[in-house]
N, C-alpha and C. Protein backbone atom coordinates (compact mmCIF):
# COMPACT_ATOMS: atom_id res chain seq x y z
N MET A 1 7.81 -21.02 -13.06
CA MET A 1 8.21 -20.02 -12.66
C MET A 1 8.72 -19.13 -13.96
N VAL A 2 8.81 -17.67 -13.74
CA VAL A 2 9.20 -16.91 -14.90
C VAL A 2 10.87 -16.59 -14.89
N VAL A 3 11.41 -16.33 -16.23
CA VAL A 3 12.58 -16.04 -16.04
C VAL A 3 12.76 -15.17 -17.20
N LYS A 4 13.13 -13.97 -16.84
CA LYS A 4 13.45 -12.72 -17.46
C LYS A 4 14.71 -11.79 -17.79
N PRO A 5 14.87 -11.46 -18.66
CA PRO A 5 16.27 -10.02 -18.26
C PRO A 5 15.71 -9.19 -16.81
N ALA A 6 16.73 -8.97 -16.55
CA ALA A 6 16.64 -8.29 -15.28
C ALA A 6 16.48 -6.51 -15.63
N VAL A 7 16.82 -6.31 -17.49
CA VAL A 7 16.54 -4.96 -17.81
C VAL A 7 15.87 -5.12 -19.03
N GLY A 8 14.61 -4.70 -19.02
CA GLY A 8 13.81 -4.98 -20.03
C GLY A 8 12.59 -4.54 -20.48
N VAL A 9 11.85 -4.59 -21.66
CA VAL A 9 10.77 -4.11 -21.66
C VAL A 9 9.89 -4.72 -22.29
N GLY A 10 8.25 -5.02 -22.02
CA GLY A 10 7.24 -5.48 -22.52
C GLY A 10 7.27 -7.18 -22.73
N ALA A 11 7.96 -7.57 -21.58
CA ALA A 11 7.99 -9.20 -21.40
C ALA A 11 8.87 -9.66 -22.48
N ARG A 12 9.90 -8.73 -23.12
CA ARG A 12 10.76 -9.39 -24.22
C ARG A 12 11.89 -10.53 -23.58
N GLY A 13 11.92 -11.49 -23.95
CA GLY A 13 12.80 -12.64 -23.39
C GLY A 13 12.36 -12.79 -22.51
N ALA A 14 11.01 -12.56 -22.03
CA ALA A 14 10.35 -13.81 -20.89
C ALA A 14 10.05 -14.94 -20.86
N GLY A 15 10.01 -15.79 -20.15
CA GLY A 15 9.45 -17.31 -20.78
C GLY A 15 9.50 -17.50 -19.22
N ARG A 16 8.24 -18.43 -19.72
CA ARG A 16 7.53 -19.36 -18.10
C ARG A 16 7.61 -20.62 -18.36
N PHE A 17 7.87 -21.25 -17.33
CA PHE A 17 9.23 -22.76 -17.19
C PHE A 17 8.41 -23.53 -15.85
N ALA A 18 8.33 -24.89 -15.99
CA ALA A 18 8.22 -25.68 -14.89
C ALA A 18 9.47 -25.69 -14.12
N ILE A 19 9.24 -25.81 -12.95
CA ILE A 19 10.56 -25.90 -12.26
C ILE A 19 11.78 -27.78 -12.75
N GLY A 20 12.50 -27.27 -13.22
CA GLY A 20 13.07 -28.35 -13.57
C GLY A 20 13.21 -28.91 -15.05
N ASP A 21 12.46 -27.73 -15.68
CA ASP A 21 12.32 -28.10 -17.04
C ASP A 21 14.04 -27.58 -17.90
N GLU A 22 14.18 -28.75 -18.69
CA GLU A 22 15.26 -28.14 -19.39
C GLU A 22 15.28 -26.96 -20.40
N ALA A 23 14.57 -26.59 -20.86
CA ALA A 23 13.87 -25.60 -21.35
C ALA A 23 14.50 -24.27 -20.62
N GLY A 24 13.94 -24.53 -19.40
CA GLY A 24 14.29 -22.97 -18.49
C GLY A 24 15.44 -22.82 -18.04
N GLN A 25 16.28 -23.76 -18.20
CA GLN A 25 18.05 -23.69 -17.84
C GLN A 25 18.41 -23.21 -18.98
N ARG A 26 18.17 -23.74 -20.21
CA ARG A 26 18.37 -23.40 -21.17
C ARG A 26 18.39 -21.66 -21.52
N HIS A 27 17.21 -21.27 -21.09
CA HIS A 27 16.89 -20.13 -21.24
C HIS A 27 17.44 -19.12 -20.67
N LEU A 28 17.49 -19.61 -19.24
CA LEU A 28 18.51 -19.02 -18.24
C LEU A 28 19.92 -18.53 -18.69
N ASP A 29 20.44 -19.59 -19.25
CA ASP A 29 22.09 -19.74 -19.66
C ASP A 29 22.15 -18.67 -20.64
N GLU A 30 20.90 -18.66 -21.89
CA GLU A 30 21.33 -17.58 -23.07
C GLU A 30 21.15 -16.04 -22.34
N LEU A 31 20.18 -15.88 -21.44
CA LEU A 31 20.24 -14.62 -20.81
C LEU A 31 21.08 -14.56 -19.93
N LEU A 32 21.90 -15.26 -19.26
CA LEU A 32 22.78 -14.53 -18.53
C LEU A 32 24.18 -14.36 -19.36
N ALA A 33 24.22 -15.20 -20.72
CA ALA A 33 25.32 -14.83 -21.38
C ALA A 33 25.40 -13.17 -21.76
N VAL A 34 24.21 -12.48 -21.91
CA VAL A 34 24.23 -11.32 -22.26
C VAL A 34 23.99 -10.13 -20.88
N GLY A 35 23.72 -10.54 -19.79
CA GLY A 35 23.18 -9.89 -18.71
C GLY A 35 22.33 -10.22 -17.75
N ASP A 36 22.13 -9.53 -16.77
CA ASP A 36 21.40 -10.09 -15.89
C ASP A 36 20.44 -10.71 -15.72
N VAL A 37 19.49 -11.40 -14.89
CA VAL A 37 18.24 -12.27 -14.83
C VAL A 37 17.50 -12.28 -13.88
N LEU A 38 16.44 -12.15 -13.79
CA LEU A 38 15.54 -12.33 -12.61
C LEU A 38 14.88 -13.63 -12.78
N VAL A 39 14.63 -14.81 -11.79
CA VAL A 39 13.51 -15.72 -11.96
C VAL A 39 12.71 -15.78 -10.86
N GLN A 40 11.32 -15.39 -11.03
CA GLN A 40 10.47 -15.56 -10.64
C GLN A 40 9.16 -16.39 -10.41
N PRO A 41 8.65 -16.83 -8.79
CA PRO A 41 7.81 -17.69 -9.12
C PRO A 41 6.69 -17.10 -9.42
N TYR A 42 5.94 -18.21 -10.61
CA TYR A 42 5.08 -17.41 -11.73
C TYR A 42 3.38 -17.38 -10.29
N ALA A 43 3.03 -16.71 -10.73
CA ALA A 43 1.98 -16.14 -9.94
C ALA A 43 0.78 -16.32 -11.03
N PRO A 44 -0.40 -17.49 -10.49
CA PRO A 44 -1.68 -17.72 -11.69
C PRO A 44 -2.37 -16.93 -11.26
N SER A 45 -2.32 -15.93 -10.18
CA SER A 45 -3.32 -14.76 -10.53
C SER A 45 -3.48 -13.92 -11.21
N VAL A 46 -2.14 -13.81 -11.66
CA VAL A 46 -2.02 -12.65 -13.36
C VAL A 46 -3.12 -13.08 -14.39
N GLU A 47 -3.46 -14.53 -14.14
CA GLU A 47 -4.61 -14.68 -15.57
C GLU A 47 -5.68 -14.66 -14.94
N SER A 48 -6.25 -14.49 -13.68
CA SER A 48 -7.75 -14.09 -13.19
C SER A 48 -7.65 -12.91 -12.45
N VAL A 49 -6.75 -12.04 -11.89
CA VAL A 49 -6.98 -10.58 -11.09
C VAL A 49 -5.96 -10.02 -12.03
N GLY A 50 -4.69 -10.48 -12.72
CA GLY A 50 -4.44 -9.52 -13.47
C GLY A 50 -3.09 -8.84 -12.92
N GLU A 51 -2.11 -7.66 -13.25
CA GLU A 51 -1.27 -7.36 -12.40
C GLU A 51 -1.63 -5.56 -12.12
N LEU A 52 -1.08 -5.36 -11.02
CA LEU A 52 -2.27 -3.80 -10.63
C LEU A 52 -0.48 -2.95 -10.77
N SER A 53 -1.03 -1.70 -11.83
CA SER A 53 0.15 -0.43 -11.48
C SER A 53 -0.43 0.42 -10.84
N ILE A 54 0.43 1.04 -9.94
CA ILE A 54 0.26 2.35 -9.07
C ILE A 54 1.48 3.40 -9.71
N VAL A 55 0.83 4.32 -10.04
CA VAL A 55 1.68 5.43 -10.54
C VAL A 55 1.99 6.70 -9.33
N LEU A 56 3.01 7.22 -9.23
CA LEU A 56 3.19 8.24 -7.75
C LEU A 56 3.89 9.22 -8.79
N ALA A 57 3.61 10.50 -8.43
CA ALA A 57 4.25 11.87 -8.83
C ALA A 57 4.59 12.26 -7.00
N GLU A 58 6.06 12.47 -7.70
CA GLU A 58 6.49 12.97 -5.99
C GLU A 58 5.94 12.23 -4.66
N GLY A 59 5.78 10.95 -5.14
CA GLY A 59 5.70 10.45 -3.59
C GLY A 59 4.03 9.65 -3.56
N ARG A 60 3.35 10.66 -4.51
CA ARG A 60 1.82 10.46 -4.01
C ARG A 60 1.34 10.00 -5.11
N VAL A 61 0.40 8.80 -4.70
CA VAL A 61 -0.35 8.34 -5.84
C VAL A 61 -1.02 8.89 -6.54
N THR A 62 -1.01 8.88 -8.08
CA THR A 62 -2.55 9.46 -8.67
C THR A 62 -3.10 8.74 -9.84
N HIS A 63 -2.78 7.26 -9.53
CA HIS A 63 -3.90 6.96 -10.50
C HIS A 63 -3.33 5.12 -10.35
N GLY A 64 -3.90 4.38 -10.62
CA GLY A 64 -3.58 2.83 -11.02
C GLY A 64 -4.55 2.29 -12.27
N VAL A 65 -3.51 1.28 -12.07
CA VAL A 65 -4.13 0.58 -13.56
C VAL A 65 -4.03 -1.22 -13.36
N ARG A 66 -5.61 -1.78 -14.08
CA ARG A 66 -5.07 -3.11 -13.90
C ARG A 66 -4.90 -3.47 -15.25
N LYS A 67 -4.08 -4.17 -15.81
CA LYS A 67 -3.34 -4.81 -16.61
C LYS A 67 -3.87 -6.50 -16.59
N ARG A 68 -4.25 -7.00 -17.72
CA ARG A 68 -4.99 -8.34 -17.41
C ARG A 68 -4.57 -8.82 -19.21
N PRO A 69 -4.14 -10.19 -19.07
CA PRO A 69 -3.59 -11.06 -19.85
C PRO A 69 -5.24 -11.52 -21.14
N ALA A 70 -4.43 -11.82 -22.21
CA ALA A 70 -5.56 -12.12 -23.36
C ALA A 70 -5.86 -14.04 -22.70
N ALA A 71 -6.83 -14.39 -22.87
CA ALA A 71 -7.47 -16.11 -22.19
C ALA A 71 -5.85 -16.91 -22.90
N GLY A 72 -5.22 -17.63 -21.86
CA GLY A 72 -4.28 -18.63 -22.35
C GLY A 72 -2.87 -17.54 -22.21
N GLU A 73 -2.89 -16.53 -22.12
CA GLU A 73 -1.75 -16.14 -22.00
C GLU A 73 -1.20 -15.33 -20.21
N TYR A 74 0.30 -15.38 -20.17
CA TYR A 74 0.45 -14.99 -18.96
C TYR A 74 1.02 -13.23 -18.83
N ARG A 75 1.33 -13.09 -20.13
CA ARG A 75 1.96 -11.93 -20.28
C ARG A 75 0.51 -11.03 -20.44
N ILE A 76 0.96 -9.73 -19.78
CA ILE A 76 -0.03 -8.84 -19.60
C ILE A 76 -0.17 -7.74 -20.64
N HIS A 77 0.81 -7.72 -21.45
CA HIS A 77 0.98 -6.63 -22.53
C HIS A 77 0.32 -6.43 -23.72
N GLU A 78 -0.18 -5.07 -24.10
CA GLU A 78 -1.50 -5.10 -25.08
C GLU A 78 -0.84 -5.94 -26.33
N GLU A 79 0.94 -6.20 -26.53
CA GLU A 79 1.28 -6.97 -27.92
C GLU A 79 0.88 -8.54 -27.80
N TYR A 80 0.71 -8.84 -26.65
CA TYR A 80 0.06 -10.25 -26.69
C TYR A 80 -0.82 -9.83 -26.40
N GLY A 81 -1.93 -9.21 -26.29
CA GLY A 81 -3.26 -9.27 -26.23
C GLY A 81 -3.84 -9.04 -24.81
N GLY A 82 -3.02 -8.04 -24.07
CA GLY A 82 -3.52 -7.69 -22.81
C GLY A 82 -4.68 -6.64 -23.08
N GLN A 83 -5.29 -6.43 -21.64
CA GLN A 83 -6.01 -5.30 -21.85
C GLN A 83 -5.88 -4.87 -20.82
N LEU A 84 -5.94 -3.14 -20.60
CA LEU A 84 -5.69 -2.06 -19.37
C LEU A 84 -7.24 -1.70 -19.29
N GLU A 85 -6.98 -1.05 -17.97
CA GLU A 85 -8.27 -0.45 -17.65
C GLU A 85 -7.98 0.32 -16.15
N ALA A 86 -8.51 1.22 -15.78
CA ALA A 86 -8.26 2.26 -14.82
C ALA A 86 -8.92 1.37 -13.83
N SER A 87 -8.33 1.55 -12.63
CA SER A 87 -8.61 0.59 -11.41
C SER A 87 -8.91 1.60 -9.96
N ALA A 88 -9.68 1.27 -9.22
CA ALA A 88 -9.98 1.66 -8.25
C ALA A 88 -8.76 1.33 -7.05
N LEU A 89 -8.05 1.95 -6.06
CA LEU A 89 -7.17 1.30 -5.40
C LEU A 89 -7.57 1.74 -4.15
N THR A 90 -7.42 0.51 -3.10
CA THR A 90 -7.29 0.80 -1.84
C THR A 90 -6.46 1.17 -1.12
N PRO A 91 -6.96 1.87 0.47
CA PRO A 91 -5.95 2.27 0.90
C PRO A 91 -4.55 1.31 1.18
N GLY A 92 -5.18 0.06 1.29
CA GLY A 92 -3.60 -0.41 1.75
C GLY A 92 -2.99 -0.60 0.80
N VAL A 93 -3.32 -0.82 -0.45
CA VAL A 93 -2.69 -0.50 -2.09
C VAL A 93 -1.80 0.56 -2.09
N ILE A 94 -2.44 1.57 -1.98
CA ILE A 94 -1.87 3.23 -1.85
C ILE A 94 -0.60 2.72 -0.58
N GLU A 95 -1.26 2.67 0.52
CA GLU A 95 -0.09 2.86 1.19
C GLU A 95 1.24 1.91 0.95
N LEU A 96 0.83 0.45 0.45
CA LEU A 96 2.20 -0.03 -0.12
C LEU A 96 2.94 0.47 -1.06
N ALA A 97 2.42 1.40 -2.03
CA ALA A 97 3.17 2.03 -3.06
C ALA A 97 3.65 3.40 -2.47
N GLU A 98 3.29 3.85 -1.48
CA GLU A 98 4.18 5.28 -1.28
C GLU A 98 4.91 4.56 -0.06
N ARG A 99 5.01 3.38 0.37
CA ARG A 99 6.47 2.98 1.22
C ARG A 99 7.25 2.34 -0.02
N VAL A 100 6.73 1.64 -0.76
CA VAL A 100 7.92 1.61 -1.42
C VAL A 100 8.76 2.83 -2.21
N TRP A 101 8.02 3.67 -2.51
CA TRP A 101 8.43 5.16 -3.05
C TRP A 101 9.58 5.52 -1.76
N SER A 102 9.09 5.73 -0.74
CA SER A 102 9.92 5.95 0.64
C SER A 102 11.30 5.32 0.72
N VAL A 103 11.55 4.16 0.04
CA VAL A 103 12.67 3.22 0.51
C VAL A 103 13.64 3.47 -0.82
N LEU A 104 13.47 4.03 -1.87
CA LEU A 104 13.50 4.33 -3.36
C LEU A 104 15.47 4.70 -2.73
N PRO A 105 16.47 4.23 -3.67
CA PRO A 105 17.61 4.65 -3.46
C PRO A 105 18.12 5.61 -3.65
N ALA A 106 17.31 6.31 -4.72
CA ALA A 106 17.40 8.13 -4.74
C ALA A 106 16.20 8.32 -5.39
N PRO A 107 16.31 9.93 -4.81
CA PRO A 107 14.90 10.21 -5.38
C PRO A 107 14.30 10.35 -6.68
N ALA A 108 13.00 10.35 -6.79
CA ALA A 108 12.75 10.21 -8.18
C ALA A 108 11.37 10.93 -8.52
N LEU A 109 11.11 11.56 -9.91
CA LEU A 109 10.50 12.70 -9.94
C LEU A 109 8.55 11.68 -10.04
N TYR A 110 8.88 10.61 -10.54
CA TYR A 110 7.86 10.19 -10.53
C TYR A 110 8.03 8.04 -11.13
N ALA A 111 7.28 7.37 -10.44
CA ALA A 111 7.78 5.97 -10.58
C ALA A 111 6.35 5.17 -10.73
N ARG A 112 6.36 3.80 -11.14
CA ARG A 112 5.31 2.68 -11.35
C ARG A 112 5.72 1.49 -10.57
N VAL A 113 4.84 1.42 -9.31
CA VAL A 113 4.93 0.50 -8.48
C VAL A 113 4.20 -0.79 -9.08
N ASP A 114 4.59 -1.98 -9.68
CA ASP A 114 3.68 -3.10 -10.15
C ASP A 114 3.58 -4.04 -9.13
N LEU A 115 2.38 -4.67 -9.09
CA LEU A 115 1.86 -5.56 -8.00
C LEU A 115 1.17 -7.08 -8.85
N LEU A 116 1.57 -8.06 -8.13
CA LEU A 116 0.66 -8.77 -8.05
C LEU A 116 0.14 -9.56 -7.12
N GLU A 117 -0.85 -10.27 -7.14
CA GLU A 117 -1.41 -11.32 -6.02
C GLU A 117 -0.68 -12.23 -5.80
N LEU A 118 -0.64 -12.69 -4.24
CA LEU A 118 0.51 -13.79 -4.05
C LEU A 118 0.04 -14.29 -2.86
N SER A 119 -0.65 -15.04 -2.50
CA SER A 119 -1.33 -15.87 -1.11
C SER A 119 -2.34 -14.93 -0.48
N GLY A 120 -3.02 -14.27 -1.37
CA GLY A 120 -4.21 -13.54 -1.03
C GLY A 120 -3.74 -12.09 -0.72
N GLY A 121 -2.57 -11.48 -0.76
CA GLY A 121 -1.99 -9.85 -0.34
C GLY A 121 -1.29 -9.70 -1.44
N TRP A 122 -1.20 -8.60 -1.76
CA TRP A 122 -0.23 -7.80 -3.27
C TRP A 122 1.09 -7.62 -2.79
N HIS A 123 1.75 -8.12 -3.61
CA HIS A 123 3.18 -8.27 -3.78
C HIS A 123 3.73 -7.29 -4.68
N VAL A 124 5.04 -6.61 -4.31
CA VAL A 124 5.74 -6.11 -5.46
C VAL A 124 6.90 -6.75 -6.43
N LEU A 125 6.01 -6.70 -7.92
CA LEU A 125 6.61 -7.30 -8.54
C LEU A 125 8.09 -6.34 -9.63
N GLU A 126 7.59 -5.01 -9.21
CA GLU A 126 9.00 -4.24 -9.60
C GLU A 126 8.37 -2.85 -9.59
N VAL A 127 9.59 -1.94 -9.64
CA VAL A 127 9.69 -0.35 -9.95
C VAL A 127 10.13 0.12 -10.36
N GLU A 128 9.27 1.15 -11.02
CA GLU A 128 9.83 1.75 -12.63
C GLU A 128 9.87 2.95 -12.41
N VAL A 129 11.46 3.29 -12.35
CA VAL A 129 11.22 4.69 -11.95
C VAL A 129 12.04 5.70 -13.54
N THR A 130 12.08 4.79 -14.50
CA THR A 130 12.51 5.44 -15.76
C THR A 130 11.29 5.11 -17.00
N GLU A 131 10.08 5.27 -16.40
CA GLU A 131 9.44 4.41 -17.27
C GLU A 131 8.90 5.72 -18.05
N PRO A 132 8.48 4.97 -19.63
CA PRO A 132 8.00 6.01 -20.54
C PRO A 132 6.63 6.16 -20.61
N ARG A 133 5.96 4.89 -19.91
CA ARG A 133 4.25 4.59 -19.89
C ARG A 133 4.08 4.69 -18.35
N LEU A 134 3.33 5.76 -18.72
CA LEU A 134 2.75 6.26 -16.94
C LEU A 134 1.14 5.75 -17.03
N PHE A 135 0.61 5.18 -17.83
CA PHE A 135 -0.59 5.45 -18.42
C PHE A 135 -1.51 6.35 -18.19
N LEU A 136 -1.13 7.29 -18.44
CA LEU A 136 -1.82 8.42 -17.96
C LEU A 136 -3.16 8.61 -18.70
N GLU A 137 -3.55 8.14 -19.26
CA GLU A 137 -5.08 8.16 -20.03
C GLU A 137 -5.93 7.11 -19.40
N PHE A 138 -5.61 6.74 -18.62
CA PHE A 138 -6.15 6.02 -17.56
C PHE A 138 -6.47 6.81 -16.30
N GLY A 139 -5.82 7.49 -16.02
CA GLY A 139 -5.90 8.21 -14.69
C GLY A 139 -6.94 9.50 -14.52
N PRO A 140 -7.09 10.04 -13.51
CA PRO A 140 -7.76 11.37 -13.51
C PRO A 140 -7.33 12.43 -13.98
N ALA A 141 -8.16 13.49 -14.36
CA ALA A 141 -7.77 14.64 -15.04
C ALA A 141 -6.63 14.84 -14.58
N ASP A 142 -6.51 14.97 -13.13
CA ASP A 142 -5.37 15.92 -12.19
C ASP A 142 -4.04 15.01 -12.15
N ALA A 143 -4.24 13.67 -12.64
CA ALA A 143 -3.25 13.00 -12.55
C ALA A 143 -1.70 13.54 -13.42
N THR A 144 -2.10 13.62 -15.24
CA THR A 144 -1.24 14.72 -15.53
C THR A 144 -0.76 16.33 -15.01
N GLU A 145 -2.00 16.81 -14.48
CA GLU A 145 -1.25 18.08 -13.65
C GLU A 145 -0.33 17.98 -12.70
N GLN A 146 -0.53 16.74 -11.98
CA GLN A 146 0.48 16.45 -10.76
C GLN A 146 1.80 16.37 -11.30
N LEU A 147 1.80 15.42 -12.52
CA LEU A 147 3.06 15.47 -13.31
C LEU A 147 3.60 16.55 -13.30
N VAL A 148 3.07 17.19 -14.06
CA VAL A 148 3.33 18.77 -14.91
C VAL A 148 3.62 19.77 -13.68
N LYS A 149 3.40 19.29 -12.18
CA LYS A 149 3.32 20.11 -11.53
C LYS A 149 4.93 19.82 -10.71
N ALA A 150 4.96 18.66 -10.45
CA ALA A 150 5.91 17.81 -9.90
C ALA A 150 7.33 18.01 -10.68
N VAL A 151 7.36 17.93 -12.38
CA VAL A 151 8.11 18.72 -13.21
C VAL A 151 8.55 20.08 -12.93
N MET A 152 7.75 20.88 -13.07
CA MET A 152 7.82 22.04 -12.59
C MET A 152 8.75 23.03 -11.63
N ALA A 153 8.30 22.21 -10.43
CA ALA A 153 8.77 22.01 -9.08
C ALA A 153 10.58 21.56 -9.40
N ARG A 154 10.89 20.75 -9.68
CA ARG A 154 12.26 20.44 -9.85
C ARG A 154 12.91 21.21 -10.65
N LEU A 155 12.34 21.75 -11.27
CA LEU A 155 12.94 22.41 -12.59
C LEU A 155 12.88 24.00 -12.10
N GLY A 156 12.38 24.27 -10.69
CA GLY A 156 12.43 25.96 -10.23
C GLY A 156 11.61 26.43 -10.50
């Protein structure tokens, strides 16, 4: 399982533990002393398939990025040796990201939907709506243009 702060950045405070591991319980207790915590099943596919991030502007998918961990690592972040690459998106993944967008509790200008493969299908890991990293450098040229148009439309 993975135990991590409910609000965090870059896998800081995340730990991977076997179920029943006393170190995992200690880590959980330490995190709970300062805030909310997520306990998630560990998805071994992160090591081979990686994590898929889908970026949306005003509910429309602009691009996707595959994030892979370094060998022997489960965290996909660059500070842990993770690698990023542009990723073509299947119609099913696009539909999933847009469906997630449609049920956000409040309107958002942009969002990033992070997915992991579990049991042969993509599952939502997290949704970022205040994320400073949208991986625009991996998107097509019009991804930035779509985001700018969305901002301008909101500003009137």
